[in-house]
Protein backbone atom coordinates (compact mmCIF):
# COMPACT_ATOMS: atom_id res chain seq x y z
CA MET A 1 -14.15 -10.31 1.93
CA ALA A 2 -14.64 -7.91 -0.98
CA LEU A 3 -17.13 -7.03 -3.70
CA PHE A 4 -14.56 -8.07 -6.32
CA PRO A 5 -11.78 -10.63 -6.73
CA ALA A 6 -8.25 -9.65 -5.72
CA SER A 7 -7.57 -8.61 -9.33
CA GLY A 8 -10.09 -5.76 -8.95
CA GLY A 9 -11.94 -6.68 -12.16
CA GLY A 10 -15.12 -8.53 -13.07
CA GLU A 11 -18.63 -7.92 -11.79
CA PRO A 12 -19.46 -7.20 -8.13
CA ASP A 13 -20.62 -10.15 -6.02
CA GLU A 14 -23.35 -8.14 -4.30
CA ALA A 15 -25.20 -11.14 -2.83
CA SER A 16 -22.08 -12.45 -1.12
CA MET A 17 -21.19 -8.97 0.10
CA ASN A 18 -24.66 -8.53 1.63
CA ASP A 19 -24.24 -11.82 3.50
CA TRP A 20 -20.99 -10.57 4.98
CA TRP A 21 -22.45 -7.16 5.85
CA ASN A 22 -25.37 -8.83 7.64
CA PHE A 23 -22.97 -11.05 9.57
CA TRP A 24 -20.73 -8.13 10.59
CA ASP A 25 -23.65 -5.89 11.58
CA LYS A 26 -25.34 -8.65 13.57
CA ASN A 27 -22.14 -9.33 15.50
CA LYS A 28 -21.21 -5.64 15.81
CA ILE A 29 -17.95 -6.11 13.89
CA SER A 30 -16.54 -2.92 12.35
CA TYR A 31 -15.42 -2.74 8.73
CA LEU A 32 -14.41 -0.18 6.11
CA ASN A 33 -14.34 0.34 2.36
CA TRP A 34 -10.65 0.68 1.52
CA ALA A 35 -10.97 1.01 -2.28
CA VAL A 36 -11.72 4.75 -2.30
CA ASP A 37 -9.74 5.45 -5.46
CA ASN A 38 -10.33 6.26 -9.14
CA LYS A 39 -8.49 3.42 -10.84
CA GLY A 40 -9.91 1.99 -14.04
CA GLU A 41 -11.16 -1.17 -12.36
CA GLY A 42 -14.48 -2.36 -10.96
CA SER A 43 -13.38 -2.44 -7.32
CA ALA A 44 -12.61 1.30 -7.27
CA ALA A 45 -15.29 3.36 -5.53
CA LEU A 46 -14.87 6.27 -7.98
CA ASN A 47 -14.95 6.53 -11.75
CA PRO A 48 -11.63 7.20 -13.54
CA ASN A 49 -10.38 10.83 -13.53
CA THR A 50 -12.54 11.81 -10.53
CA VAL A 51 -10.93 14.67 -8.60
CA ALA A 52 -11.07 15.19 -4.83
CA SER A 53 -13.76 17.89 -5.02
CA ASP A 54 -16.15 15.44 -6.73
CA VAL A 55 -15.81 12.56 -4.25
CA GLY A 56 -19.23 13.38 -2.77
CA THR A 57 -20.99 13.64 -6.15
CA PRO A 58 -23.04 10.48 -6.93
CA SER A 59 -22.45 10.75 -10.70
CA HIS A 60 -18.74 10.13 -10.07
CA TRP A 61 -19.30 6.92 -8.09
CA SER A 62 -18.65 3.57 -9.72
CA LYS A 63 -21.06 0.66 -9.42
CA SER A 64 -19.00 -0.54 -6.48
CA GLY A 65 -19.19 2.87 -4.82
CA GLN A 66 -22.97 3.05 -5.32
CA ILE A 67 -23.45 -0.39 -3.74
CA VAL A 68 -21.44 0.64 -0.68
CA GLN A 69 -23.25 3.99 -0.44
CA ASP A 70 -26.68 2.31 -0.64
CA HIS A 71 -25.67 0.00 2.20
CA LEU A 72 -24.40 2.85 4.38
CA LYS A 73 -27.62 4.85 3.87
CA LYS A 74 -29.64 1.93 5.28
CA MET A 75 -27.59 1.66 8.46
CA THR A 76 -29.33 2.78 11.67
CA ASN A 77 -26.39 4.41 13.43
CA GLY A 78 -27.86 7.90 13.95
CA VAL A 79 -25.90 9.41 11.04
CA SER A 80 -27.87 10.66 8.03
CA CYS A 81 -26.53 10.84 4.46
CA SER A 82 -29.42 13.08 3.34
CA GLY A 83 -29.14 15.91 5.83
CA LYS A 84 -32.21 14.65 7.72
CA PRO A 85 -31.97 13.14 11.21
CA ASN A 86 -31.90 9.35 11.28
CA ASN A 87 -34.54 8.63 13.94
CA SER A 88 -33.44 5.02 14.24
CA GLY A 89 -30.18 6.06 15.85
CA SER A 90 -29.50 7.63 19.21
CA SER A 91 -30.54 11.23 19.88
CA PRO A 92 -28.16 13.85 21.22
CA PRO A 93 -28.66 14.72 24.89
CA LYS A 94 -30.91 17.65 25.73
CA SER A 95 -29.27 20.70 27.21
CA ASN A 96 -30.64 23.02 29.86
CA ASN A 97 -28.08 25.70 29.05
CA LYS A 98 -30.03 28.91 28.38
CA ASN A 99 -26.98 31.18 28.25
CA ASN A 100 -27.48 32.34 24.67
CA GLY A 101 -24.71 34.01 22.71
CA THR A 102 -21.71 32.61 24.54
CA VAL A 103 -18.71 30.71 23.28
CA SER A 104 -16.92 28.19 25.48
CA LYS A 105 -13.27 27.58 24.67
CA ASN A 106 -10.86 24.79 25.47
CA LYS A 107 -7.09 24.63 25.86
CA GLY A 108 -6.44 21.69 23.54
CA GLY A 109 -3.55 19.34 24.10
CA ASN A 110 -5.75 16.45 25.19
CA ASN A 111 -4.55 12.86 25.25
CA ASN A 112 -5.46 10.19 22.69
CA LYS A 113 -9.02 9.84 24.00
CA GLY A 114 -10.03 13.02 22.24
CA GLY A 115 -12.79 15.02 23.93
CA ASN A 116 -11.63 18.42 22.72
CA THR A 117 -14.97 20.29 22.55
CA ASN A 118 -16.04 23.83 21.67
CA ASN A 119 -19.60 25.18 21.85
CA ASN A 120 -20.98 28.15 19.95
CA ASN A 121 -24.42 29.79 20.13
CA LYS A 122 -23.95 32.32 17.31
CA ASN A 123 -26.62 33.15 14.73
CA GLY A 124 -29.43 31.57 16.76
CA GLY A 125 -27.94 28.08 16.66
CA LYS A 126 -26.24 25.98 19.28
CA ILE A 127 -23.32 24.01 17.85
CA SER A 128 -20.64 21.89 19.49
CA ILE A 129 -17.49 20.74 17.73
CA SER A 130 -15.21 18.04 19.12
CA LEU A 131 -12.47 15.59 18.22
CA ASN A 132 -12.73 11.81 18.55
CA VAL A 133 -9.61 9.75 18.01
CA ASP A 134 -10.01 7.34 15.11
CA SER A 135 -6.54 5.78 15.24
CA SER A 136 -3.19 6.66 16.77
CA TRP A 137 0.46 5.65 16.69
CA GLY A 138 3.71 6.82 18.29
CA ASN A 139 3.94 10.32 16.82
CA GLY A 140 0.62 10.83 15.09
CA ALA A 141 -3.10 10.17 15.00
CA ASN A 142 -6.26 10.46 12.93
CA TYR A 143 -9.24 12.27 14.42
CA LYS A 144 -12.88 12.61 13.43
CA ILE A 145 -14.31 16.11 13.75
CA ILE A 146 -17.80 15.79 15.26
CA ILE A 147 -20.21 18.69 14.72
CA LYS A 148 -23.49 18.52 16.67
CA ASN A 149 -26.46 20.84 16.25
CA THR A 150 -28.38 21.02 19.52
CA GLY A 151 -30.20 24.19 18.50
CA THR A 152 -33.60 24.64 16.88
CA SER A 153 -32.54 25.71 13.37
CA ALA A 154 -30.75 23.87 10.57
CA ILE A 155 -27.11 24.82 9.93
CA CYS A 156 -25.65 24.86 6.39
CA SER A 157 -22.14 26.24 6.94
CA VAL A 158 -19.50 26.00 9.64
CA THR A 159 -16.14 27.72 10.05
CA PHE A 160 -13.64 26.43 12.60
CA GLN A 161 -9.99 26.80 13.50
CA VAL A 162 -7.41 24.14 14.36
CA THR A 163 -4.36 25.06 16.45
CA PRO A 164 -1.61 22.42 16.55
CA VAL A 165 0.09 21.28 19.74
CA GLY A 166 3.79 22.12 19.58
CA LYS A 167 5.23 21.39 16.13
CA GLN A 168 2.37 19.22 14.90
CA THR A 169 1.56 19.03 11.20
CA ILE A 170 -2.19 19.13 10.52
CA ASN A 171 -4.02 17.72 7.49
CA VAL A 172 -7.81 18.29 7.41
CA TRP A 173 -9.99 16.60 4.81
CA ASN A 174 -13.54 17.24 3.53
CA ALA A 175 -13.25 20.95 4.44
CA LYS A 176 -12.00 24.04 2.59
CA SER A 177 -8.70 25.37 3.90
CA LEU A 178 -8.65 29.11 4.71
CA SER A 179 -5.83 31.22 6.15
CA GLY A 180 -4.57 31.07 9.73
CA GLY A 181 -5.49 27.47 10.37
CA LYS A 182 -9.16 28.11 9.62
CA TYR A 183 -11.40 25.75 7.65
CA SER A 184 -14.95 25.97 6.35
CA ILE A 185 -17.65 23.60 5.13
CA SER A 186 -20.63 24.92 3.20
CA ASN A 187 -21.98 21.90 1.30
CA ILE A 188 -23.73 20.40 4.32
CA LYS A 189 -27.04 20.59 6.14
CA ILE A 190 -27.16 19.71 9.81
CA ASN A 191 -30.75 19.76 11.00
CA ALA A 192 -31.71 20.53 14.58
CA GLY A 193 -30.63 17.55 16.65
CA GLY A 194 -28.36 16.27 13.87
CA THR A 195 -24.68 15.38 13.75
CA ASN A 196 -22.02 15.56 11.04
CA ASN A 197 -18.89 13.42 11.32
CA GLU A 198 -17.71 13.41 7.70
CA ILE A 199 -14.74 15.70 8.39
CA GLY A 200 -11.47 14.39 9.73
CA MET A 201 -7.86 15.30 10.30
CA GLY A 202 -4.51 13.63 10.51
CA VAL A 203 -1.78 14.93 12.83
CA SER A 204 1.92 14.11 12.88
CA GLY A 205 4.68 15.11 15.26
CA SER A 206 2.50 14.26 18.26
CA SER A 207 -0.63 12.17 18.77
CA LYS A 208 -2.13 14.71 21.19
CA ALA A 209 -5.41 16.32 20.15
CA PRO A 210 -4.95 19.83 18.71
CA LYS A 211 -7.11 22.69 19.89
CA ILE A 212 -10.27 23.10 17.80
CA SER A 213 -12.37 26.27 17.97
CA LEU A 214 -15.70 27.08 16.37
CA ILE A 215 -15.47 30.43 14.56
CA ASN A 216 -18.85 30.88 12.90
CA ILE A 217 -21.97 29.08 11.68
CA GLY A 218 -24.53 29.88 8.99
CA LYS A 219 -28.23 29.08 8.90
CA CYS A 220 -29.77 27.45 5.84
């Protein structure tokens, strides 16, 4: 079911779409918005000529994109679109680790279940970064990069490094590419107890999880 007919034109059928969303949510059925493009048609989530750097800017969203975004903001899944914790969702587990200022590293090369985690207590914050497999196939996979703030201060920038397994090719999205396999995000705010999972990566050559290391964090 879609907001628009198969032609992609016309006006959005928001009432029908809400009925389907309610049905899927009630029955815990997953779904996705596949029309994340900038074609000159109503079903596209972005206005024509929108570039990749403006995907997160509301003024570049089409009517279809705004409808989908409004629906996602109302979901009680623990993920916030405003930078504030969504109290309706689950809370991250409390930690009794008082060893401040340490970095725990991992060896990478995990199987398709993900679980590649790195913790960092720099700059007065406690941050963990991990990979969760989103989809996989014979020689590749897509992973979500999960950043959790279990400290007491908000975090507004994160720098991390991805090291491929063997001859993997890595493609990270929603983060700025630096040199040496490093990436940074600075247009976020992860409050204490909050989680960000808007960053992802695709790997090819092997579906094994690459090594991910937290390099630095910045307070707001």
